[in-house]
N, C-alpha and C. Protein backbone atom coordinates (compact mmCIF):
# COMPACT_ATOMS: atom_id res chain seq x y z
N MET A 1 7.05 -17.95 8.72
CA MET A 1 5.47 -17.64 9.68
C MET A 1 4.96 -17.51 8.92
N SER A 2 3.95 -17.39 9.74
CA SER A 2 2.48 -16.79 8.94
C SER A 2 2.59 -15.50 10.03
N LEU A 3 1.50 -15.14 9.33
CA LEU A 3 1.41 -13.55 9.79
C LEU A 3 0.07 -13.17 10.16
N SER A 4 -1.19 -14.08 9.23
CA SER A 4 -2.49 -14.22 9.69
C SER A 4 -3.04 -14.26 8.42
N GLN A 5 -4.65 -14.70 8.44
CA GLN A 5 -5.15 -15.55 7.66
C GLN A 5 -6.31 -14.94 7.04
N SER A 6 -6.93 -15.30 5.40
CA SER A 6 -7.91 -15.23 5.20
C SER A 6 -8.62 -16.47 3.87
N LYS A 7 -10.34 -15.79 5.19
CA LYS A 7 -10.46 -17.04 3.94
C LYS A 7 -10.91 -16.89 1.97
N LEU A 8 -10.89 -17.87 1.79
CA LEU A 8 -11.69 -18.31 -0.43
C LEU A 8 -13.15 -17.55 -0.32
N THR A 9 -13.59 -16.64 -1.05
CA THR A 9 -14.88 -17.12 -0.80
C THR A 9 -14.76 -17.38 -2.03
N ALA A 10 -16.06 -17.99 -2.50
CA ALA A 10 -17.01 -19.02 -3.71
C ALA A 10 -16.15 -18.64 -5.71
N GLN A 11 -15.93 -16.99 -5.17
CA GLN A 11 -15.63 -15.73 -6.75
C GLN A 11 -14.43 -15.77 -6.46
N GLY A 12 -13.38 -16.38 -5.31
CA GLY A 12 -12.64 -16.51 -6.01
C GLY A 12 -11.50 -15.17 -4.59
N GLN A 13 -12.22 -14.89 -4.21
CA GLN A 13 -12.35 -12.96 -3.39
C GLN A 13 -10.88 -13.43 -2.53
N ILE A 14 -9.86 -12.78 -1.69
CA ILE A 14 -10.15 -12.48 -0.32
C ILE A 14 -9.94 -11.45 0.16
N SER A 15 -10.12 -11.03 1.34
CA SER A 15 -9.50 -10.43 2.33
C SER A 15 -8.10 -10.29 3.06
N VAL A 16 -8.17 -8.63 2.31
CA VAL A 16 -6.59 -8.91 2.84
C VAL A 16 -6.87 -7.68 4.27
N PRO A 17 -5.74 -9.04 5.84
CA PRO A 17 -5.92 -8.36 6.72
C PRO A 17 -5.40 -7.31 7.16
N ALA A 18 -6.04 -6.47 7.95
CA ALA A 18 -5.46 -4.52 8.16
C ALA A 18 -3.88 -4.89 7.84
N GLU A 19 -3.39 -6.18 9.36
CA GLU A 19 -1.94 -6.48 9.54
C GLU A 19 -1.15 -5.80 8.42
N ILE A 20 -1.71 -6.58 7.68
CA ILE A 20 -0.45 -6.78 6.03
C ILE A 20 -0.80 -6.07 5.03
N ARG A 21 -2.27 -4.85 5.31
CA ARG A 21 -2.57 -3.69 4.51
C ARG A 21 -1.92 -3.07 5.36
N LYS A 22 -1.66 -2.52 6.23
CA LYS A 22 -0.70 -1.74 6.68
C LYS A 22 0.78 -1.84 6.40
N LYS A 23 1.31 -2.73 7.28
CA LYS A 23 2.58 -3.28 7.39
C LYS A 23 2.92 -3.05 5.24
N LEU A 24 2.48 -2.96 3.66
CA LEU A 24 2.53 -2.71 2.73
C LEU A 24 2.14 -1.96 1.95
N GLY A 25 1.20 -0.45 3.28
CA GLY A 25 0.65 1.28 2.87
C GLY A 25 -0.16 0.35 2.00
N VAL A 26 -0.63 -0.15 2.10
CA VAL A 26 -2.38 -0.42 0.86
C VAL A 26 -3.54 0.00 1.06
N GLY A 27 -4.58 0.58 0.71
CA GLY A 27 -5.41 1.20 0.88
C GLY A 27 -7.03 0.12 -0.21
N PRO A 28 -8.08 1.30 -0.29
CA PRO A 28 -8.44 0.87 -1.43
C PRO A 28 -8.38 1.13 -3.04
N GLY A 29 -8.06 0.65 -4.06
CA GLY A 29 -7.68 0.83 -5.44
C GLY A 29 -6.53 -0.27 -5.58
N SER A 30 -5.66 0.26 -4.66
CA SER A 30 -4.43 -0.25 -4.93
C SER A 30 -4.39 -2.08 -4.98
N VAL A 31 -3.18 -2.20 -6.71
CA VAL A 31 -3.12 -2.47 -6.97
C VAL A 31 -1.64 -4.15 -6.12
N LEU A 32 -1.87 -5.16 -6.30
CA LEU A 32 -1.31 -6.30 -6.15
C LEU A 32 -0.80 -7.34 -6.43
N GLU A 33 0.94 -7.43 -5.91
CA GLU A 33 1.31 -8.10 -7.95
C GLU A 33 1.21 -9.06 -6.89
N TRP A 34 1.47 -10.55 -7.39
CA TRP A 34 1.15 -12.32 -6.96
C TRP A 34 3.20 -12.56 -7.76
N GLU A 35 3.24 -13.38 -7.10
CA GLU A 35 4.53 -13.62 -7.55
C GLU A 35 5.15 -15.69 -6.90
N GLN A 36 5.29 -16.38 -8.08
CA GLN A 36 5.99 -17.57 -7.24
C GLN A 36 7.01 -17.97 -7.38
N LYS A 37 7.74 -18.08 -6.52
CA LYS A 37 9.13 -18.65 -5.82
C LYS A 37 8.92 -19.58 -5.63
N ASN A 38 9.23 -20.55 -6.16
CA ASN A 38 9.51 -22.33 -6.06
C ASN A 38 8.87 -22.47 -5.08
N ASP A 39 8.17 -22.69 -4.31
CA ASP A 39 6.56 -23.79 -3.51
C ASP A 39 5.98 -21.88 -2.45
N GLU A 40 6.36 -20.75 -2.82
CA GLU A 40 6.15 -20.83 -2.01
C GLU A 40 5.38 -18.94 -3.01
N ILE A 41 4.57 -18.71 -2.90
CA ILE A 41 3.60 -16.99 -3.46
C ILE A 41 3.73 -15.85 -2.69
N VAL A 42 4.24 -14.62 -2.96
CA VAL A 42 5.20 -13.39 -3.11
C VAL A 42 4.03 -12.91 -3.36
N VAL A 43 3.50 -11.81 -2.38
CA VAL A 43 2.52 -10.92 -2.82
C VAL A 43 2.91 -9.41 -1.69
N ARG A 44 2.98 -8.18 -2.95
CA ARG A 44 4.11 -6.61 -2.47
C ARG A 44 2.60 -6.35 -3.74
N ARG A 45 3.09 -4.41 -2.93
CA ARG A 45 2.69 -3.38 -3.90
C ARG A 45 2.40 -3.91 -5.63
N ALA A 46 1.90 -3.49 -6.16
CA ALA A 46 2.70 -3.25 -7.08
C ALA A 46 3.78 -2.22 -6.89
N GLY A 47 4.25 -2.49 -8.47
CA GLY A 47 4.55 -0.29 -8.44
C GLY A 47 6.04 -0.25 -7.90
N ARG A 48 6.23 -1.39 -6.48
CA ARG A 48 6.61 -0.48 -5.77
C ARG A 48 8.54 -0.10 -5.93
N HIS A 49 8.64 0.98 -6.19
CA HIS A 49 9.94 1.59 -6.55
C HIS A 49 11.16 1.71 -6.15
N THR A 50 12.52 1.87 -5.28
CA THR A 50 11.89 3.49 -4.80
C THR A 50 12.34 4.25 -5.73
N SER A 51 12.85 5.37 -5.31
CA SER A 51 13.57 6.49 -6.32
C SER A 51 14.56 6.37 -7.20
N GLU A 52 15.21 5.70 -5.36
CA GLU A 52 16.90 5.47 -6.79
C GLU A 52 17.01 4.39 -7.35
N GLU A 53 16.35 3.23 -7.22
CA GLU A 53 16.22 2.37 -8.20
C GLU A 53 16.03 2.58 -9.98
N VAL A 54 14.58 3.59 -9.65
CA VAL A 54 14.02 4.77 -10.66
C VAL A 54 15.63 5.16 -11.55
N HIS A 55 16.12 6.39 -10.24
CA HIS A 55 17.92 6.84 -11.31
C HIS A 55 18.48 5.99 -12.53
N LYS A 56 18.61 4.92 -11.80
CA LYS A 56 19.31 4.08 -11.82
C LYS A 56 18.98 3.27 -12.95
N ALA A 57 18.19 3.12 -12.96
CA ALA A 57 16.95 2.91 -14.76
C ALA A 57 17.74 4.62 -16.26
N LEU A 58 17.11 4.90 -15.55
CA LEU A 58 16.70 6.32 -16.14
C LEU A 58 18.05 6.57 -16.87
N PHE A 59 19.30 6.82 -15.22
CA PHE A 59 20.44 7.10 -15.65
C PHE A 59 21.71 6.18 -14.54
N PRO A 60 21.94 5.50 -15.92
CA PRO A 60 22.88 4.23 -15.22
C PRO A 60 24.54 4.48 -14.59
N ASP A 61 24.89 6.19 -15.36
CA ASP A 61 26.17 6.44 -15.08
C ASP A 61 26.25 8.00 -14.60
N ALA A 62 25.03 8.78 -13.76
CA ALA A 62 24.93 9.22 -12.79
C ALA A 62 25.38 9.24 -11.03
N VAL A 63 25.59 9.86 -11.18
CA VAL A 63 25.75 9.91 -9.98
C VAL A 63 24.88 9.84 -8.30
N ALA A 64 25.68 8.97 -7.20
CA ALA A 64 24.17 8.79 -6.63
C ALA A 64 23.32 9.21 -6.05
N ALA A 65 22.28 8.92 -4.53
CA ALA A 65 21.07 9.51 -5.16
C ALA A 65 21.86 10.50 -3.53
N THR A 66 21.98 11.65 -3.67
CA THR A 66 22.35 13.03 -2.19
C THR A 66 21.12 12.28 -0.64
N LYS A 67 20.73 13.03 0.60
CA LYS A 67 20.21 13.14 1.36
C LYS A 67 19.78 13.82 1.00
N ALA A 68 19.33 14.60 0.34
CA ALA A 68 18.06 15.78 -0.06
C ALA A 68 17.11 15.01 -1.05
N THR A 69 17.75 13.18 -1.82
CA THR A 69 16.16 12.87 -2.80
C THR A 69 16.05 12.02 -1.54
N LEU A 70 17.03 11.90 -0.28
CA LEU A 70 16.33 10.54 0.55
C LEU A 70 15.54 10.94 1.66
N ASN A 71 15.85 12.18 1.29
CA ASN A 71 14.39 13.26 3.07
C ASN A 71 13.26 13.25 1.69
N VAL A 72 13.46 13.67 0.59
CA VAL A 72 12.29 13.71 0.16
C VAL A 72 10.79 12.34 -0.31
N LYS A 73 12.46 11.25 -0.32
CA LYS A 73 11.84 9.62 0.13
C LYS A 73 10.88 9.58 1.51
N ASP A 74 11.27 9.72 2.81
CA ASP A 74 10.75 9.24 3.47
C ASP A 74 9.44 10.18 3.88
N GLY A 75 9.93 11.89 3.38
CA GLY A 75 8.18 12.47 3.00
C GLY A 75 7.54 11.85 1.98
N ILE A 76 7.54 11.47 0.93
CA ILE A 76 7.09 10.53 0.68
C ILE A 76 5.91 9.36 0.97
N ARG A 77 6.48 8.78 1.41
CA ARG A 77 6.43 7.36 2.04
C ARG A 77 5.50 7.53 3.70
N LYS A 78 6.03 8.29 4.22
CA LYS A 78 5.17 8.68 6.01
C LYS A 78 4.15 9.91 5.48
N HIS A 79 4.06 10.19 4.80
CA HIS A 79 2.58 11.00 3.60
C HIS A 79 1.65 10.33 2.93
N MET A 80 2.25 9.13 2.78
CA MET A 80 1.17 7.72 1.85
C MET A 80 0.99 6.92 2.90
N LEU A 81 2.25 7.04 4.24
CA LEU A 81 1.33 6.21 5.11
C LEU A 81 -0.07 6.76 5.76
N GLN A 82 0.21 7.97 6.81
CA GLN A 82 -0.60 8.81 7.22
C GLN A 82 -2.00 8.55 5.86
N LYS A 83 -1.97 8.71 4.99
CA LYS A 83 -2.51 8.89 3.96
C LYS A 83 -4.05 7.74 4.06
N HIS A 84 -2.99 6.98 4.25
CA HIS A 84 -3.57 5.01 3.52
C HIS A 84 -3.89 4.46 5.40
N ALA A 85 -3.25 5.33 5.94
CA ALA A 85 -4.24 4.50 8.15
C ALA A 85 -5.21 4.59 8.07
N ARG A 86 -5.36 3.19 8.08
CA ARG A 86 -6.74 3.85 8.88
C ARG A 86 -7.43 4.08 10.55
N ARG A 87 -8.21 4.94 9.78
CA ARG A 87 -8.15 5.82 11.05
C ARG A 87 -9.91 4.94 12.44
């Protein structure tokens, strides 16, 4: 399913459509990662790891994240979406 389209410039640059920027939560200076999976190219915001994934990587034998941790994560997500929202 195609969400939208971009046109490639002579210099090899593209513009990311506004609806995609909002879905990815990206703005000026954001870094995007491109990955080839079989015959598709996947684009995602670079460094997008949940706090739970980071915690599991650092402390593999630790207790699972508490509800308070999830609330903090939701608060950070809301703040970043508001910060990078088009006004």
